[in-house]
Amino acid sequence: MKNWSIDTLQDIWQLATELHDGQKYGGPAKGQQIEYINHIGSVVFEVMAALDQTENMNAELALSCAILHDSLEDTGITFEEIQAKFGLAVAEGVLALTKSPAIADKDEKMQDSLARIRQQPHEIWAVKMADRICNLYAPPFYWSNEKKRAYLEEAKLIHAALKDGNVYLANRLALKIQEYQRFIA
């Protein structure tokens, strides 16, 4: 049974396309630049697949947070603006998915983020796993083997911390972790 509003999701998608307008990331081919909204859509697709495989999941919360998951970290929108537009649950979910700029150490930053995600509903856990699944399809062309190995280790940490949040996505993430080995020389 559908538990989400298409109008709400259209509003959130419109906002995300405006917020991420002009942002790009490196693709797998040398010199390739991909529109950032592609990543947002990929995370949404992973969450949609999980919704199809998971009972009693709050689809609107999961999809809203999937669309907005990088908005606090990568754009000028604020927690208060998200809360005013889409409610406290969505704002808190997006905040939990945002790495703290107050923490300098990369490993501590990830540990803090995972701890905050684990305090959220499982829909937020699902978004984080979906995000990393999408990021494991292929690394940017300019990443070194050392960077790829570190990213893979971080993916394993995410899996260990969040695997109980959604069986379907945990299995997908484990598979992507295994497949990612092919990118490391």
C-alpha atoms as a PDB file:
ATOM      1  CA  MET A   1       0.000   0.000   0.000  1.00  0.00           C
ATOM      2  CA  LYS A   2       1.329   3.433  -0.982  1.00  0.00           C
ATOM      3  CA  ASN A   3       2.155   5.691   1.975  1.00  0.00           C
ATOM      4  CA  TRP A   4       3.602   8.699   0.176  1.00  0.00           C
ATOM      5  CA  SER A   5       2.376  11.764  -1.662  1.00  0.00           C
ATOM      6  CA  ILE A   6       3.514  12.248  -5.238  1.00  0.00           C
ATOM      7  CA  ASP A   7       2.985  15.996  -4.858  1.00  0.00           C
ATOM      8  CA  THR A   8       5.271  16.141  -1.829  1.00  0.00           C
ATOM      9  CA  LEU A   9       7.948  14.111  -3.594  1.00  0.00           C
ATOM     10  CA  GLN A  10       7.664  16.300  -6.713  1.00  0.00           C
ATOM     11  CA  ASP A  11       8.169  19.380  -4.511  1.00  0.00           C
ATOM     12  CA  ILE A  12      11.220  17.823  -2.867  1.00  0.00           C
ATOM     13  CA  TRP A  13      12.652  16.721  -6.231  1.00  0.00           C
ATOM     14  CA  GLN A  14      12.184  20.226  -7.671  1.00  0.00           C
ATOM     15  CA  LEU A  15      14.002  21.696  -4.671  1.00  0.00           C
ATOM     16  CA  ALA A  16      16.841  19.161  -4.975  1.00  0.00           C
ATOM     17  CA  THR A  17      17.322  19.919  -8.682  1.00  0.00           C
ATOM     18  CA  GLU A  18      17.543  23.620  -7.865  1.00  0.00           C
ATOM     19  CA  LEU A  19      19.900  23.079  -4.912  1.00  0.00           C
ATOM     20  CA  HIS A  20      22.283  20.821  -6.847  1.00  0.00           C
ATOM     21  CA  ASP A  21      22.085  22.777 -10.118  1.00  0.00           C
ATOM     22  CA  GLY A  22      25.510  22.949 -11.732  1.00  0.00           C
ATOM     23  CA  GLN A  23      27.108  20.427  -9.382  1.00  0.00           C
ATOM     24  CA  LYS A  24      28.985  17.599 -11.079  1.00  0.00           C
ATOM     25  CA  TYR A  25      31.122  14.649 -10.059  1.00  0.00           C
ATOM     26  CA  GLY A  26      33.804  12.673 -11.823  1.00  0.00           C
ATOM     27  CA  GLY A  27      32.650   9.643 -13.742  1.00  0.00           C
ATOM     28  CA  PRO A  28      34.621   6.473 -14.425  1.00  0.00           C
ATOM     29  CA  ALA A  29      35.968   7.643 -17.804  1.00  0.00           C
ATOM     30  CA  LYS A  30      38.841  10.130 -17.951  1.00  0.00           C
ATOM     31  CA  GLY A  31      37.539  13.685 -18.000  1.00  0.00           C
ATOM     32  CA  GLN A  32      33.924  12.602 -17.545  1.00  0.00           C
ATOM     33  CA  GLN A  33      31.717  14.918 -15.471  1.00  0.00           C
ATOM     34  CA  ILE A  34      28.241  13.751 -14.449  1.00  0.00           C
ATOM     35  CA  GLU A  35      25.385  15.964 -13.249  1.00  0.00           C
ATOM     36  CA  TYR A  36      25.034  15.494  -9.478  1.00  0.00           C
ATOM     37  CA  ILE A  37      21.263  15.024  -9.697  1.00  0.00           C
ATOM     38  CA  ASN A  38      22.090  11.662 -11.329  1.00  0.00           C
ATOM     39  CA  HIS A  39      23.496  10.475  -7.983  1.00  0.00           C
ATOM     40  CA  ILE A  40      20.407  11.701  -6.130  1.00  0.00           C
ATOM     41  CA  GLY A  41      18.169   9.799  -8.553  1.00  0.00           C
ATOM     42  CA  SER A  42      20.270   6.648  -8.193  1.00  0.00           C
ATOM     43  CA  VAL A  43      19.868   6.724  -4.411  1.00  0.00           C
ATOM     44  CA  VAL A  44      16.118   7.195  -4.840  1.00  0.00           C
ATOM     45  CA  PHE A  45      15.990   4.175  -7.194  1.00  0.00           C
ATOM     46  CA  GLU A  46      17.787   2.005  -4.625  1.00  0.00           C
ATOM     47  CA  VAL A  47      15.343   3.110  -1.926  1.00  0.00           C
ATOM     48  CA  MET A  48      12.395   2.412  -4.244  1.00  0.00           C
ATOM     49  CA  ALA A  49      13.670  -1.108  -4.827  1.00  0.00           C
ATOM     50  CA  ALA A  50      14.027  -1.568  -1.059  1.00  0.00           C
ATOM     51  CA  LEU A  51      10.455  -0.347  -0.531  1.00  0.00           C
ATOM     52  CA  ASP A  52       9.294  -3.088  -2.879  1.00  0.00           C
ATOM     53  CA  GLN A  53      11.183  -5.693  -0.814  1.00  0.00           C
ATOM     54  CA  THR A  54      10.483  -4.386   2.701  1.00  0.00           C
ATOM     55  CA  GLU A  55       7.284  -4.458   4.729  1.00  0.00           C
ATOM     56  CA  ASN A  56       6.217  -1.585   6.979  1.00  0.00           C
ATOM     57  CA  MET A  57       8.697   0.934   5.649  1.00  0.00           C
ATOM     58  CA  ASN A  58       7.711   4.622   5.727  1.00  0.00           C
ATOM     59  CA  ALA A  59       8.096   5.318   2.026  1.00  0.00           C
ATOM     60  CA  GLU A  60       7.607   9.077   2.202  1.00  0.00           C
ATOM     61  CA  LEU A  61      10.277   9.479   4.895  1.00  0.00           C
ATOM     62  CA  ALA A  62      12.720   7.215   3.055  1.00  0.00           C
ATOM     63  CA  LEU A  63      12.189   8.822  -0.362  1.00  0.00           C
ATOM     64  CA  SER A  64      12.204  12.377   1.008  1.00  0.00           C
ATOM     65  CA  CYS A  65      15.483  11.797   2.812  1.00  0.00           C
ATOM     66  CA  ALA A  66      16.948  10.015  -0.211  1.00  0.00           C
ATOM     67  CA  ILE A  67      16.229  13.055  -2.372  1.00  0.00           C
ATOM     68  CA  LEU A  68      17.600  15.490   0.199  1.00  0.00           C
ATOM     69  CA  HIS A  69      20.396  13.345   1.678  1.00  0.00           C
ATOM     70  CA  ASP A  70      23.261  15.575   0.474  1.00  0.00           C
ATOM     71  CA  SER A  71      21.456  18.912   0.627  1.00  0.00           C
ATOM     72  CA  LEU A  72      22.752  20.109   4.014  1.00  0.00           C
ATOM     73  CA  GLU A  73      26.280  18.958   3.262  1.00  0.00           C
ATOM     74  CA  ASP A  74      26.561  20.247  -0.307  1.00  0.00           C
ATOM     75  CA  THR A  75      24.194  23.204  -0.681  1.00  0.00           C
ATOM     76  CA  GLY A  76      23.124  26.333   1.163  1.00  0.00           C
ATOM     77  CA  ILE A  77      19.811  25.038   2.534  1.00  0.00           C
ATOM     78  CA  THR A  78      19.491  24.889   6.318  1.00  0.00           C
ATOM     79  CA  PHE A  79      18.022  22.369   8.743  1.00  0.00           C
ATOM     80  CA  GLU A  80      15.366  24.941   9.644  1.00  0.00           C
ATOM     81  CA  GLU A  81      14.357  25.413   6.014  1.00  0.00           C
ATOM     82  CA  ILE A  82      14.007  21.662   5.482  1.00  0.00           C
ATOM     83  CA  GLN A  83      11.997  21.376   8.690  1.00  0.00           C
ATOM     84  CA  ALA A  84       9.677  24.235   7.676  1.00  0.00           C
ATOM     85  CA  LYS A  85       9.087  22.753   4.222  1.00  0.00           C
ATOM     86  CA  PHE A  86       8.983  19.001   4.950  1.00  0.00           C
ATOM     87  CA  GLY A  87       8.729  18.457   8.700  1.00  0.00           C
ATOM     88  CA  LEU A  88      10.937  17.521  11.615  1.00  0.00           C
ATOM     89  CA  ALA A  89      11.332  13.813  10.756  1.00  0.00           C
ATOM     90  CA  VAL A  90      12.723  14.607   7.296  1.00  0.00           C
ATOM     91  CA  ALA A  91      14.968  17.391   8.621  1.00  0.00           C
ATOM     92  CA  GLU A  92      16.368  15.159  11.369  1.00  0.00           C
ATOM     93  CA  GLY A  93      16.908  12.321   8.895  1.00  0.00           C
ATOM     94  CA  VAL A  94      18.814  14.572   6.504  1.00  0.00           C
ATOM     95  CA  LEU A  95      20.835  16.023   9.393  1.00  0.00           C
ATOM     96  CA  ALA A  96      21.817  12.518  10.525  1.00  0.00           C
ATOM     97  CA  LEU A  97      22.943  11.743   6.960  1.00  0.00           C
ATOM     98  CA  THR A  98      25.137  14.875   6.989  1.00  0.00           C
ATOM     99  CA  LYS A  99      28.722  14.596   8.165  1.00  0.00           C
ATOM    100  CA  SER A 100      29.571  17.114  10.865  1.00  0.00           C
ATOM    101  CA  PRO A 101      31.780  19.965   9.636  1.00  0.00           C
ATOM    102  CA  ALA A 102      32.960  20.412  13.248  1.00  0.00           C
ATOM    103  CA  ILE A 103      34.873  17.112  13.135  1.00  0.00           C
ATOM    104  CA  ALA A 104      38.157  17.269  11.227  1.00  0.00           C
ATOM    105  CA  ASP A 105      39.235  13.615  11.287  1.00  0.00           C
ATOM    106  CA  LYS A 106      37.631  11.657   8.424  1.00  0.00           C
ATOM    107  CA  ASP A 107      37.249   8.415  10.426  1.00  0.00           C
ATOM    108  CA  GLU A 108      35.765  10.211  13.432  1.00  0.00           C
ATOM    109  CA  LYS A 109      33.430  12.078  11.090  1.00  0.00           C
ATOM    110  CA  MET A 110      32.102   8.774   9.688  1.00  0.00           C
ATOM    111  CA  GLN A 111      31.769   7.194  13.151  1.00  0.00           C
ATOM    112  CA  ASP A 112      29.806  10.233  14.349  1.00  0.00           C
ATOM    113  CA  SER A 113      27.554  10.123  11.283  1.00  0.00           C
ATOM    114  CA  LEU A 114      26.850   6.409  11.709  1.00  0.00           C
ATOM    115  CA  ALA A 115      26.077   6.871  15.410  1.00  0.00           C
ATOM    116  CA  ARG A 116      23.583   9.621  14.579  1.00  0.00           C
ATOM    117  CA  ILE A 117      22.022   7.550  11.778  1.00  0.00           C
ATOM    118  CA  ARG A 118      21.575   4.619  14.170  1.00  0.00           C
ATOM    119  CA  GLN A 119      19.457   6.899  16.403  1.00  0.00           C
ATOM    120  CA  GLN A 120      17.058   7.484  13.501  1.00  0.00           C
ATOM    121  CA  PRO A 121      14.288   5.273  12.084  1.00  0.00           C
ATOM    122  CA  HIS A 122      15.466   2.425   9.858  1.00  0.00           C
ATOM    123  CA  GLU A 123      14.411   4.386   6.774  1.00  0.00           C
ATOM    124  CA  ILE A 124      17.408   6.659   7.369  1.00  0.00           C
ATOM    125  CA  TRP A 125      19.702   3.637   7.718  1.00  0.00           C
ATOM    126  CA  ALA A 126      18.318   2.491   4.361  1.00  0.00           C
ATOM    127  CA  VAL A 127      19.160   5.811   2.703  1.00  0.00           C
ATOM    128  CA  LYS A 128      22.773   5.644   3.902  1.00  0.00           C
ATOM    129  CA  MET A 129      23.170   2.088   2.610  1.00  0.00           C
ATOM    130  CA  ALA A 130      21.531   3.075  -0.700  1.00  0.00           C
ATOM    131  CA  ASP A 131      23.910   6.041  -0.968  1.00  0.00           C
ATOM    132  CA  ARG A 132      26.976   3.857  -0.544  1.00  0.00           C
ATOM    133  CA  ILE A 133      25.600   1.212  -2.936  1.00  0.00           C
ATOM    134  CA  CYS A 134      25.350   3.906  -5.617  1.00  0.00           C
ATOM    135  CA  ASN A 135      28.838   5.162  -4.850  1.00  0.00           C
ATOM    136  CA  LEU A 136      30.259   1.677  -5.350  1.00  0.00           C
ATOM    137  CA  TYR A 137      29.148   1.276  -8.961  1.00  0.00           C
ATOM    138  CA  ALA A 138      32.381   2.797 -10.273  1.00  0.00           C
ATOM    139  CA  PRO A 139      34.930   5.152  -8.723  1.00  0.00           C
ATOM    140  CA  PRO A 140      35.783   8.515 -10.266  1.00  0.00           C
ATOM    141  CA  PHE A 141      38.509   8.178 -12.892  1.00  0.00           C
ATOM    142  CA  TYR A 142      40.986  10.193 -10.827  1.00  0.00           C
ATOM    143  CA  TRP A 143      40.865   8.088  -7.615  1.00  0.00           C
ATOM    144  CA  SER A 144      44.072   6.302  -6.653  1.00  0.00           C
ATOM    145  CA  ASN A 145      44.074   2.655  -5.570  1.00  0.00           C
ATOM    146  CA  GLU A 146      44.728   3.864  -2.024  1.00  0.00           C
ATOM    147  CA  LYS A 147      41.593   6.055  -2.134  1.00  0.00           C
ATOM    148  CA  LYS A 148      39.546   3.168  -3.571  1.00  0.00           C
ATOM    149  CA  ARG A 149      40.745   0.813  -0.817  1.00  0.00           C
ATOM    150  CA  ALA A 150      39.918   3.367   1.885  1.00  0.00           C
ATOM    151  CA  TYR A 151      36.463   3.911   0.380  1.00  0.00           C
ATOM    152  CA  LEU A 152      35.876   0.170   0.306  1.00  0.00           C
ATOM    153  CA  GLU A 153      36.880  -0.146   3.971  1.00  0.00           C
ATOM    154  CA  GLU A 154      34.483   2.662   4.821  1.00  0.00           C
ATOM    155  CA  ALA A 155      31.732   0.800   2.933  1.00  0.00           C
ATOM    156  CA  LYS A 156      32.413  -2.267   5.077  1.00  0.00           C
ATOM    157  CA  LEU A 157      32.096  -0.110   8.190  1.00  0.00           C
ATOM    158  CA  ILE A 158      28.752   1.267   6.965  1.00  0.00           C
ATOM    159  CA  HIS A 159      27.537  -2.255   6.255  1.00  0.00           C
ATOM    160  CA  ALA A 160      28.545  -3.507   9.704  1.00  0.00           C
ATOM    161  CA  ALA A 161      26.886  -0.567  11.457  1.00  0.00           C
ATOM    162  CA  LEU A 162      23.630  -0.457   9.487  1.00  0.00           C
ATOM    163  CA  LYS A 163      22.993  -3.954   8.091  1.00  0.00           C
ATOM    164  CA  ASP A 164      20.189  -4.615  10.573  1.00  0.00           C
ATOM    165  CA  GLY A 165      18.248  -1.626   9.258  1.00  0.00           C
ATOM    166  CA  ASN A 166      17.162  -3.219   5.978  1.00  0.00           C
ATOM    167  CA  VAL A 167      17.951  -6.776   4.895  1.00  0.00           C
ATOM    168  CA  TYR A 168      17.476  -6.118   1.190  1.00  0.00           C
ATOM    169  CA  LEU A 169      19.842  -3.129   1.115  1.00  0.00           C
ATOM    170  CA  ALA A 170      22.343  -4.836   3.410  1.00  0.00           C
ATOM    171  CA  ASN A 171      22.538  -7.705   0.920  1.00  0.00           C
ATOM    172  CA  ARG A 172      22.882  -5.268  -2.001  1.00  0.00           C
ATOM    173  CA  LEU A 173      25.631  -3.372  -0.182  1.00  0.00           C
ATOM    174  CA  ALA A 174      27.505  -6.599   0.614  1.00  0.00           C
ATOM    175  CA  LEU A 175      27.340  -7.559  -3.068  1.00  0.00           C
ATOM    176  CA  LYS A 176      28.570  -4.129  -4.219  1.00  0.00           C
ATOM    177  CA  ILE A 177      31.435  -4.297  -1.712  1.00  0.00           C
ATOM    178  CA  GLN A 178      32.454  -7.642  -3.175  1.00  0.00           C
ATOM    179  CA  GLU A 179      32.143  -6.407  -6.768  1.00  0.00           C
ATOM    180  CA  TYR A 180      34.084  -3.190  -6.059  1.00  0.00           C
ATOM    181  CA  GLN A 181      37.285  -5.219  -5.711  1.00  0.00           C
ATOM    182  CA  ARG A 182      37.543  -5.238  -9.532  1.00  0.00           C
ATOM    183  CA  PHE A 183      38.396  -1.523  -9.512  1.00  0.00           C
ATOM    184  CA  ILE A 184      41.474  -1.965  -7.318  1.00  0.00           C
ATOM    185  CA  ALA A 185      44.696  -2.908  -9.087  1.00  0.00           C
END
